Structure formats: structure tokens, C-alpha cells
PDB file of all heavy atoms in Angstrom:
ATOM      1  N   THR A   1      14.147  -0.390  -0.323  1.00  0.00           N
ATOM      2  CA  THR A   1      13.367  -1.607  -0.411  1.00  0.00           C
ATOM      3  C   THR A   1      14.286  -2.822  -0.584  1.00  0.00           C
ATOM      4  O   THR A   1      13.720  -3.955  -0.352  1.00  0.00           O
ATOM      5  CB  THR A   1      12.446  -1.504  -1.690  1.00  0.00           C
ATOM      6  OG1 THR A   1      13.286  -1.195  -2.800  1.00  0.00           O
ATOM      7  CG2 THR A   1      11.386  -0.380  -1.485  1.00  0.00           C
ATOM      8  N   GLU A   2      15.524  -2.658  -0.951  1.00  0.00           N
ATOM      9  CA  GLU A   2      16.401  -3.758  -1.199  1.00  0.00           C
ATOM     10  C   GLU A   2      17.647  -3.890  -0.247  1.00  0.00           C
ATOM     11  O   GLU A   2      18.200  -4.936  -0.121  1.00  0.00           O
ATOM     12  CB  GLU A   2      16.936  -3.698  -2.666  1.00  0.00           C
ATOM     13  CG  GLU A   2      15.797  -3.677  -3.640  1.00  0.00           C
ATOM     14  CD  GLU A   2      16.170  -3.280  -5.085  1.00  0.00           C
ATOM     15  OE1 GLU A   2      17.397  -3.198  -5.305  1.00  0.00           O
ATOM     16  OE2 GLU A   2      15.266  -3.056  -5.901  1.00  0.00           O
ATOM     17  N   ILE A   3      17.927  -2.819   0.419  1.00  0.00           N
ATOM     18  CA  ILE A   3      19.149  -2.854   1.271  1.00  0.00           C
ATOM     19  C   ILE A   3      18.774  -2.579   2.756  1.00  0.00           C
ATOM     20  O   ILE A   3      18.986  -3.491   3.634  1.00  0.00           O
ATOM     21  CB  ILE A   3      20.185  -1.740   0.888  1.00  0.00           C
ATOM     22  CG1 ILE A   3      20.679  -2.040  -0.552  1.00  0.00           C
ATOM     23  CG2 ILE A   3      21.371  -1.734   1.840  1.00  0.00           C
ATOM     24  CD1 ILE A   3      21.604  -0.944  -1.114  1.00  0.00           C
ATOM     25  N   SER A   4      18.144  -1.457   3.061  1.00  0.00           N
ATOM     26  CA  SER A   4      17.794  -1.147   4.415  1.00  0.00           C
ATOM     27  C   SER A   4      16.568  -1.775   4.933  1.00  0.00           C
ATOM     28  O   SER A   4      16.390  -2.059   6.158  1.00  0.00           O
ATOM     29  CB  SER A   4      17.659   0.421   4.635  1.00  0.00           C
ATOM     30  OG  SER A   4      16.476   0.871   4.057  1.00  0.00           O
ATOM     31  N   GLY A   5      15.589  -2.109   3.983  1.00  0.00           N
ATOM     32  CA  GLY A   5      14.367  -2.626   4.476  1.00  0.00           C
ATOM     33  C   GLY A   5      13.427  -1.579   5.100  1.00  0.00           C
ATOM     34  O   GLY A   5      12.436  -1.988   5.728  1.00  0.00           O
ATOM     35  N   VAL A   6      13.776  -0.351   4.969  1.00  0.00           N
ATOM     36  CA  VAL A   6      12.955   0.704   5.591  1.00  0.00           C
ATOM     37  C   VAL A   6      11.496   0.756   4.979  1.00  0.00           C
ATOM     38  O   VAL A   6      10.546   1.021   5.778  1.00  0.00           O
ATOM     39  CB  VAL A   6      13.716   2.074   5.478  1.00  0.00           C
ATOM     40  CG1 VAL A   6      12.734   3.231   5.896  1.00  0.00           C
ATOM     41  CG2 VAL A   6      14.901   2.062   6.428  1.00  0.00           C
ATOM     42  N   THR A   7      11.450   0.692   3.644  1.00  0.00           N
ATOM     43  CA  THR A   7      10.094   0.812   2.978  1.00  0.00           C
ATOM     44  C   THR A   7       9.706  -0.592   2.505  1.00  0.00           C
ATOM     45  O   THR A   7      10.480  -1.559   2.337  1.00  0.00           O
ATOM     46  CB  THR A   7      10.205   1.764   1.922  1.00  0.00           C
ATOM     47  OG1 THR A   7      11.226   1.346   0.868  1.00  0.00           O
ATOM     48  CG2 THR A   7      10.477   3.115   2.366  1.00  0.00           C
ATOM     49  N   ASP A   8       8.427  -0.733   2.170  1.00  0.00           N
ATOM     50  CA  ASP A   8       7.851  -2.026   1.902  1.00  0.00           C
ATOM     51  C   ASP A   8       7.546  -2.318   0.438  1.00  0.00           C
ATOM     52  O   ASP A   8       7.448  -3.476   0.028  1.00  0.00           O
ATOM     53  CB  ASP A   8       6.494  -2.220   2.727  1.00  0.00           C
ATOM     54  CG  ASP A   8       6.755  -1.967   4.163  1.00  0.00           C
ATOM     55  OD1 ASP A   8       7.602  -2.559   4.779  1.00  0.00           O
ATOM     56  OD2 ASP A   8       6.032  -1.029   4.722  1.00  0.00           O
ATOM     57  N   TYR A   9       7.305  -1.233  -0.347  1.00  0.00           N
ATOM     58  CA  TYR A   9       6.860  -1.392  -1.694  1.00  0.00           C
ATOM     59  C   TYR A   9       7.567  -0.422  -2.576  1.00  0.00           C
ATOM     60  O   TYR A   9       7.608   0.845  -2.274  1.00  0.00           O
ATOM     61  CB  TYR A   9       5.390  -1.210  -1.862  1.00  0.00           C
ATOM     62  CG  TYR A   9       4.471  -2.047  -1.011  1.00  0.00           C
ATOM     63  CD1 TYR A   9       4.049  -1.562   0.228  1.00  0.00           C
ATOM     64  CD2 TYR A   9       4.072  -3.307  -1.398  1.00  0.00           C
ATOM     65  CE1 TYR A   9       3.268  -2.287   1.058  1.00  0.00           C
ATOM     66  CE2 TYR A   9       3.245  -4.074  -0.544  1.00  0.00           C
ATOM     67  CZ  TYR A   9       2.861  -3.618   0.631  1.00  0.00           C
ATOM     68  OH  TYR A   9       2.042  -4.333   1.433  1.00  0.00           O
ATOM     69  N   LYS A  10       8.246  -0.904  -3.662  1.00  0.00           N
ATOM     70  CA  LYS A  10       8.902  -0.046  -4.672  1.00  0.00           C
ATOM     71  C   LYS A  10       7.985   0.097  -5.819  1.00  0.00           C
ATOM     72  O   LYS A  10       7.649  -0.830  -6.469  1.00  0.00           O
ATOM     73  CB  LYS A  10      10.285  -0.719  -5.027  1.00  0.00           C
ATOM     74  CG  LYS A  10      11.031   0.131  -6.092  1.00  0.00           C
ATOM     75  CD  LYS A  10      12.355  -0.637  -6.440  1.00  0.00           C
ATOM     76  CE  LYS A  10      13.084   0.074  -7.550  1.00  0.00           C
ATOM     77  NZ  LYS A  10      14.372  -0.657  -7.861  1.00  0.00           N
ATOM     78  N   MET A  11       7.632   1.422  -6.077  1.00  0.00           N
ATOM     79  CA  MET A  11       6.713   1.683  -7.202  1.00  0.00           C
ATOM     80  C   MET A  11       7.372   2.378  -8.305  1.00  0.00           C
ATOM     81  O   MET A  11       8.348   3.267  -8.033  1.00  0.00           O
ATOM     82  CB  MET A  11       5.633   2.631  -6.661  1.00  0.00           C
ATOM     83  CG  MET A  11       4.852   2.061  -5.399  1.00  0.00           C
ATOM     84  SD  MET A  11       3.646   0.770  -5.866  1.00  0.00           S
ATOM     85  CE  MET A  11       4.594  -0.721  -5.460  1.00  0.00           C
ATOM     86  N   LYS A  12       6.976   2.183  -9.543  1.00  0.00           N
ATOM     87  CA  LYS A  12       7.631   2.662 -10.672  1.00  0.00           C
ATOM     88  C   LYS A  12       7.332   4.136 -10.956  1.00  0.00           C
ATOM     89  O   LYS A  12       8.043   4.872 -11.495  1.00  0.00           O
ATOM     90  CB  LYS A  12       7.426   1.832 -11.925  1.00  0.00           C
ATOM     91  CG  LYS A  12       5.970   1.796 -12.446  1.00  0.00           C
ATOM     92  CD  LYS A  12       5.804   0.996 -13.726  1.00  0.00           C
ATOM     93  CE  LYS A  12       4.443   0.972 -14.194  1.00  0.00           C
ATOM     94  NZ  LYS A  12       4.287   0.078 -15.419  1.00  0.00           N
ATOM     95  N   ASP A  13       6.068   4.518 -10.570  1.00  0.00           N
ATOM     96  CA  ASP A  13       5.637   5.878 -10.788  1.00  0.00           C
ATOM     97  C   ASP A  13       4.485   6.210  -9.913  1.00  0.00           C
ATOM     98  O   ASP A  13       3.943   5.357  -9.104  1.00  0.00           O
ATOM     99  CB  ASP A  13       5.243   6.151 -12.209  1.00  0.00           C
ATOM    100  CG  ASP A  13       4.214   5.160 -12.812  1.00  0.00           C
ATOM    101  OD1 ASP A  13       3.442   4.572 -11.949  1.00  0.00           O
ATOM    102  OD2 ASP A  13       4.178   5.004 -14.028  1.00  0.00           O
ATOM    103  N   ASP A  14       3.933   7.448  -9.935  1.00  0.00           N
ATOM    104  CA  ASP A  14       2.859   7.902  -9.109  1.00  0.00           C
ATOM    105  C   ASP A  14       1.604   7.011  -9.339  1.00  0.00           C
ATOM    106  O   ASP A  14       0.858   6.670  -8.390  1.00  0.00           O
ATOM    107  CB  ASP A  14       2.495   9.339  -9.384  1.00  0.00           C
ATOM    108  CG  ASP A  14       3.423  10.303  -8.646  1.00  0.00           C
ATOM    109  OD1 ASP A  14       4.459   9.848  -8.212  1.00  0.00           O
ATOM    110  OD2 ASP A  14       3.065  11.509  -8.620  1.00  0.00           O
ATOM    111  N   THR A  15       1.315   6.729 -10.664  1.00  0.00           N
ATOM    112  CA  THR A  15       0.138   5.949 -10.918  1.00  0.00           C
ATOM    113  C   THR A  15       0.064   4.577 -10.285  1.00  0.00           C
ATOM    114  O   THR A  15      -0.867   4.201  -9.652  1.00  0.00           O
ATOM    115  CB  THR A  15       0.008   5.837 -12.473  1.00  0.00           C
ATOM    116  OG1 THR A  15      -0.170   7.043 -13.096  1.00  0.00           O
ATOM    117  CG2 THR A  15      -1.215   4.891 -12.844  1.00  0.00           C
ATOM    118  N   GLU A  16       1.212   3.868 -10.409  1.00  0.00           N
ATOM    119  CA  GLU A  16       1.233   2.484  -9.840  1.00  0.00           C
ATOM    120  C   GLU A  16       1.236   2.695  -8.301  1.00  0.00           C
ATOM    121  O   GLU A  16       0.579   1.797  -7.633  1.00  0.00           O
ATOM    122  CB  GLU A  16       2.560   1.793 -10.195  1.00  0.00           C
ATOM    123  CG  GLU A  16       2.666   0.405  -9.618  1.00  0.00           C
ATOM    124  CD  GLU A  16       3.983  -0.390  -9.933  1.00  0.00           C
ATOM    125  OE1 GLU A  16       5.067   0.289  -9.780  1.00  0.00           O
ATOM    126  OE2 GLU A  16       3.905  -1.543 -10.226  1.00  0.00           O
ATOM    127  N   CYS A  17       1.801   3.616  -7.741  1.00  0.00           N
ATOM    128  CA  CYS A  17       1.817   3.861  -6.223  1.00  0.00           C
ATOM    129  C   CYS A  17       0.335   4.114  -5.749  1.00  0.00           C
ATOM    130  O   CYS A  17      -0.112   3.415  -4.806  1.00  0.00           O
ATOM    131  CB  CYS A  17       2.625   5.106  -5.886  1.00  0.00           C
ATOM    132  SG  CYS A  17       2.779   5.396  -4.192  1.00  0.00           S
ATOM    133  N   LEU A  18      -0.356   4.921  -6.414  1.00  0.00           N
ATOM    134  CA  LEU A  18      -1.737   5.241  -6.014  1.00  0.00           C
ATOM    135  C   LEU A  18      -2.666   4.065  -6.184  1.00  0.00           C
ATOM    136  O   LEU A  18      -3.551   3.752  -5.390  1.00  0.00           O
ATOM    137  CB  LEU A  18      -2.228   6.416  -6.758  1.00  0.00           C
ATOM    138  CG  LEU A  18      -1.445   7.759  -6.450  1.00  0.00           C
ATOM    139  CD1 LEU A  18      -1.841   8.878  -7.368  1.00  0.00           C
ATOM    140  CD2 LEU A  18      -1.653   8.165  -5.006  1.00  0.00           C
ATOM    141  N   GLN A  19      -2.490   3.338  -7.294  1.00  0.00           N
ATOM    142  CA  GLN A  19      -3.290   2.100  -7.515  1.00  0.00           C
ATOM    143  C   GLN A  19      -3.004   1.041  -6.472  1.00  0.00           C
ATOM    144  O   GLN A  19      -3.940   0.360  -5.978  1.00  0.00           O
ATOM    145  CB  GLN A  19      -2.986   1.517  -8.900  1.00  0.00           C
ATOM    146  CG  GLN A  19      -3.458   2.381 -10.093  1.00  0.00           C
ATOM    147  CD  GLN A  19      -3.030   1.825 -11.425  1.00  0.00           C
ATOM    148  OE1 GLN A  19      -1.994   1.188 -11.530  1.00  0.00           O
ATOM    149  NE2 GLN A  19      -3.771   2.220 -12.452  1.00  0.00           N
ATOM    150  N   THR A  20      -1.789   0.941  -5.971  1.00  0.00           N
ATOM    151  CA  THR A  20      -1.454  -0.020  -4.998  1.00  0.00           C
ATOM    152  C   THR A  20      -2.036   0.382  -3.627  1.00  0.00           C
ATOM    153  O   THR A  20      -2.529  -0.500  -2.929  1.00  0.00           O
ATOM    154  CB  THR A  20       0.104  -0.130  -4.826  1.00  0.00           C
ATOM    155  OG1 THR A  20       0.674  -0.482  -6.148  1.00  0.00           O
ATOM    156  CG2 THR A  20       0.533  -1.172  -3.807  1.00  0.00           C
ATOM    157  N   ILE A  21      -2.051   1.668  -3.285  1.00  0.00           N
ATOM    158  CA  ILE A  21      -2.700   2.141  -2.099  1.00  0.00           C
ATOM    159  C   ILE A  21      -4.227   1.786  -2.170  1.00  0.00           C
ATOM    160  O   ILE A  21      -4.745   1.278  -1.111  1.00  0.00           O
ATOM    161  CB  ILE A  21      -2.566   3.656  -1.899  1.00  0.00           C
ATOM    162  CG1 ILE A  21      -1.079   4.043  -1.690  1.00  0.00           C
ATOM    163  CG2 ILE A  21      -3.439   4.145  -0.799  1.00  0.00           C
ATOM    164  CD1 ILE A  21      -0.844   5.535  -1.718  1.00  0.00           C
ATOM    165  N   ARG A  22      -4.851   1.900  -3.239  1.00  0.00           N
ATOM    166  CA  ARG A  22      -6.282   1.573  -3.351  1.00  0.00           C
ATOM    167  C   ARG A  22      -6.453   0.055  -3.072  1.00  0.00           C
ATOM    168  O   ARG A  22      -7.414  -0.312  -2.315  1.00  0.00           O
ATOM    169  CB  ARG A  22      -6.762   1.821  -4.766  1.00  0.00           C
ATOM    170  CG  ARG A  22      -6.951   3.361  -4.993  1.00  0.00           C
ATOM    171  CD  ARG A  22      -7.550   3.571  -6.441  1.00  0.00           C
ATOM    172  NE  ARG A  22      -8.791   2.748  -6.685  1.00  0.00           N
ATOM    173  CZ  ARG A  22      -9.974   3.233  -6.276  1.00  0.00           C
ATOM    174  NH1 ARG A  22     -10.026   4.389  -5.655  1.00  0.00           N
ATOM    175  NH2 ARG A  22     -11.025   2.500  -6.495  1.00  0.00           N
ATOM    176  N   ARG A  23      -5.543  -0.755  -3.579  1.00  0.00           N
ATOM    177  CA  ARG A  23      -5.647  -2.216  -3.298  1.00  0.00           C
ATOM    178  C   ARG A  23      -5.437  -2.569  -1.863  1.00  0.00           C
ATOM    179  O   ARG A  23      -6.090  -3.442  -1.349  1.00  0.00           O
ATOM    180  CB  ARG A  23      -4.669  -3.018  -4.282  1.00  0.00           C
ATOM    181  CG  ARG A  23      -5.109  -2.958  -5.702  1.00  0.00           C
ATOM    182  CD  ARG A  23      -4.314  -4.083  -6.515  1.00  0.00           C
ATOM    183  NE  ARG A  23      -2.947  -3.862  -6.561  1.00  0.00           N
ATOM    184  CZ  ARG A  23      -2.321  -3.141  -7.549  1.00  0.00           C
ATOM    185  NH1 ARG A  23      -3.110  -2.655  -8.537  1.00  0.00           N
ATOM    186  NH2 ARG A  23      -1.047  -3.036  -7.561  1.00  0.00           N
ATOM    187  N   LEU A  24      -4.466  -1.783  -1.256  1.00  0.00           N
ATOM    188  CA  LEU A  24      -4.155  -2.088   0.176  1.00  0.00           C
ATOM    189  C   LEU A  24      -5.368  -1.719   1.060  1.00  0.00           C
ATOM    190  O   LEU A  24      -5.734  -2.393   1.988  1.00  0.00           O
ATOM    191  CB  LEU A  24      -2.986  -1.247   0.555  1.00  0.00           C
ATOM    192  CG  LEU A  24      -1.580  -1.760   0.027  1.00  0.00           C
ATOM    193  CD1 LEU A  24      -0.521  -0.739   0.433  1.00  0.00           C
ATOM    194  CD2 LEU A  24      -1.255  -3.111   0.550  1.00  0.00           C
ATOM    195  N   VAL A  25      -6.027  -0.584   0.697  1.00  0.00           N
ATOM    196  CA  VAL A  25      -7.196  -0.135   1.482  1.00  0.00           C
ATOM    197  C   VAL A  25      -8.368  -1.188   1.264  1.00  0.00           C
ATOM    198  O   VAL A  25      -9.094  -1.501   2.282  1.00  0.00           O
ATOM    199  CB  VAL A  25      -7.626   1.285   1.066  1.00  0.00           C
ATOM    200  CG1 VAL A  25      -8.945   1.671   1.684  1.00  0.00           C
ATOM    201  CG2 VAL A  25      -6.570   2.334   1.430  1.00  0.00           C
ATOM    202  N   LYS A  26      -8.480  -1.659   0.003  1.00  0.00           N
ATOM    203  CA  LYS A  26      -9.605  -2.590  -0.154  1.00  0.00           C
ATOM    204  C   LYS A  26      -9.423  -3.911   0.642  1.00  0.00           C
ATOM    205  O   LYS A  26     -10.329  -4.564   0.918  1.00  0.00           O
ATOM    206  CB  LYS A  26      -9.657  -2.959  -1.683  1.00  0.00           C
ATOM    207  CG  LYS A  26     -10.333  -1.954  -2.478  1.00  0.00           C
ATOM    208  CD  LYS A  26     -10.443  -2.470  -4.004  1.00  0.00           C
ATOM    209  CE  LYS A  26     -11.118  -1.342  -4.918  1.00  0.00           C
ATOM    210  NZ  LYS A  26     -11.249  -1.866  -6.292  1.00  0.00           N
ATOM    211  N   ASN A  27      -8.152  -4.198   1.000  1.00  0.00           N
ATOM    212  CA  ASN A  27      -7.845  -5.419   1.681  1.00  0.00           C
ATOM    213  C   ASN A  27      -7.851  -5.235   3.227  1.00  0.00           C
ATOM    214  O   ASN A  27      -7.569  -6.194   3.946  1.00  0.00           O
ATOM    215  CB  ASN A  27      -6.472  -5.954   1.240  1.00  0.00           C
ATOM    216  CG  ASN A  27      -6.609  -6.638  -0.172  1.00  0.00           C
ATOM    217  OD1 ASN A  27      -7.563  -7.202  -0.467  1.00  0.00           O
ATOM    218  ND2 ASN A  27      -5.516  -6.572  -0.875  1.00  0.00           N
ATOM    219  N   LEU A  28      -8.259  -4.002   3.684  1.00  0.00           N
ATOM    220  CA  LEU A  28      -8.258  -3.822   5.129  1.00  0.00           C
ATOM    221  C   LEU A  28      -9.365  -4.737   5.719  1.00  0.00           C
ATOM    222  O   LEU A  28     -10.404  -5.098   5.105  1.00  0.00           O
ATOM    223  CB  LEU A  28      -8.626  -2.343   5.421  1.00  0.00           C
ATOM    224  CG  LEU A  28      -7.508  -1.346   5.163  1.00  0.00           C
ATOM    225  CD1 LEU A  28      -8.008   0.081   5.384  1.00  0.00           C
ATOM    226  CD2 LEU A  28      -6.232  -1.603   5.971  1.00  0.00           C
ATOM    227  N   GLY A  29      -9.173  -5.079   7.031  1.00  0.00           N
ATOM    228  CA  GLY A  29     -10.162  -5.940   7.744  1.00  0.00           C
ATOM    229  C   GLY A  29     -11.450  -5.222   8.005  1.00  0.00           C
ATOM    230  O   GLY A  29     -11.614  -4.049   7.604  1.00  0.00           O
ATOM    231  N   PRO A  30     -12.381  -5.857   8.674  1.00  0.00           N
ATOM    232  CA  PRO A  30     -13.665  -5.266   8.957  1.00  0.00           C
ATOM    233  C   PRO A  30     -13.507  -4.052   9.952  1.00  0.00           C
ATOM    234  O   PRO A  30     -12.586  -4.024  10.699  1.00  0.00           O
ATOM    235  CB  PRO A  30     -14.442  -6.442   9.662  1.00  0.00           C
ATOM    236  CG  PRO A  30     -13.383  -7.366  10.225  1.00  0.00           C
ATOM    237  CD  PRO A  30     -12.205  -7.265   9.192  1.00  0.00           C
ATOM    238  N   SER A  31     -14.484  -3.186   9.778  1.00  0.00           N
ATOM    239  CA  SER A  31     -14.500  -1.902  10.613  1.00  0.00           C
ATOM    240  C   SER A  31     -15.763  -1.833  11.425  1.00  0.00           C
ATOM    241  O   SER A  31     -16.828  -1.662  10.901  1.00  0.00           O
ATOM    242  CB  SER A  31     -14.351  -0.748   9.684  1.00  0.00           C
ATOM    243  OG  SER A  31     -14.460   0.420  10.449  1.00  0.00           O
ATOM    244  N   PRO A  32     -15.682  -2.195  12.720  1.00  0.00           N
ATOM    245  CA  PRO A  32     -16.881  -1.994  13.609  1.00  0.00           C
ATOM    246  C   PRO A  32     -17.423  -0.613  13.589  1.00  0.00           C
ATOM    247  O   PRO A  32     -16.676   0.384  13.439  1.00  0.00           O
ATOM    248  CB  PRO A  32     -16.428  -2.499  14.988  1.00  0.00           C
ATOM    249  CG  PRO A  32     -14.967  -2.266  14.983  1.00  0.00           C
ATOM    250  CD  PRO A  32     -14.535  -2.438  13.509  1.00  0.00           C
ATOM    251  N   LYS A  33     -18.725  -0.480  13.789  1.00  0.00           N
ATOM    252  CA  LYS A  33     -19.341   0.878  13.736  1.00  0.00           C
ATOM    253  C   LYS A  33     -19.994   1.256  15.087  1.00  0.00           C
ATOM    254  O   LYS A  33     -20.243   0.380  15.971  1.00  0.00           O
ATOM    255  CB  LYS A  33     -20.482   0.855  12.644  1.00  0.00           C
ATOM    256  CG  LYS A  33     -19.982   0.469  11.265  1.00  0.00           C
ATOM    257  CD  LYS A  33     -19.108   1.630  10.602  1.00  0.00           C
ATOM    258  CE  LYS A  33     -18.924   1.338   9.100  1.00  0.00           C
ATOM    259  NZ  LYS A  33     -18.039   0.152   8.861  1.00  0.00           N
ATOM    260  N   ALA A  34     -20.317   2.545  15.252  1.00  0.00           N
ATOM    261  CA  ALA A  34     -21.049   2.980  16.397  1.00  0.00           C
ATOM    262  C   ALA A  34     -22.496   2.650  16.346  1.00  0.00           C
ATOM    263  O   ALA A  34     -23.332   2.629  17.313  1.00  0.00           O
ATOM    264  CB  ALA A  34     -20.879   4.515  16.618  1.00  0.00           C
TER     265      ALA A  34
END
């Protein structure tokens, strides 16, 4: 996260990581339907 730039988010533990995923999904754009 600080040298290679390979990853985008540095998380302190599993809990913070999963909470961040939830926030990322909530911020996804609209999804057209069939």
C-alpha cells in the first residue's frame, strides 16, 4: 500500500476489512435489470 502500490486499502484487521467492503459495495453505481 505504501511502496509498490499493488493494493489499494490497508486494513488493521478482519473486522475493518469487511466493514470497508460493505461500504464499497454500498457505493456501487446503479444496476440495470432484466
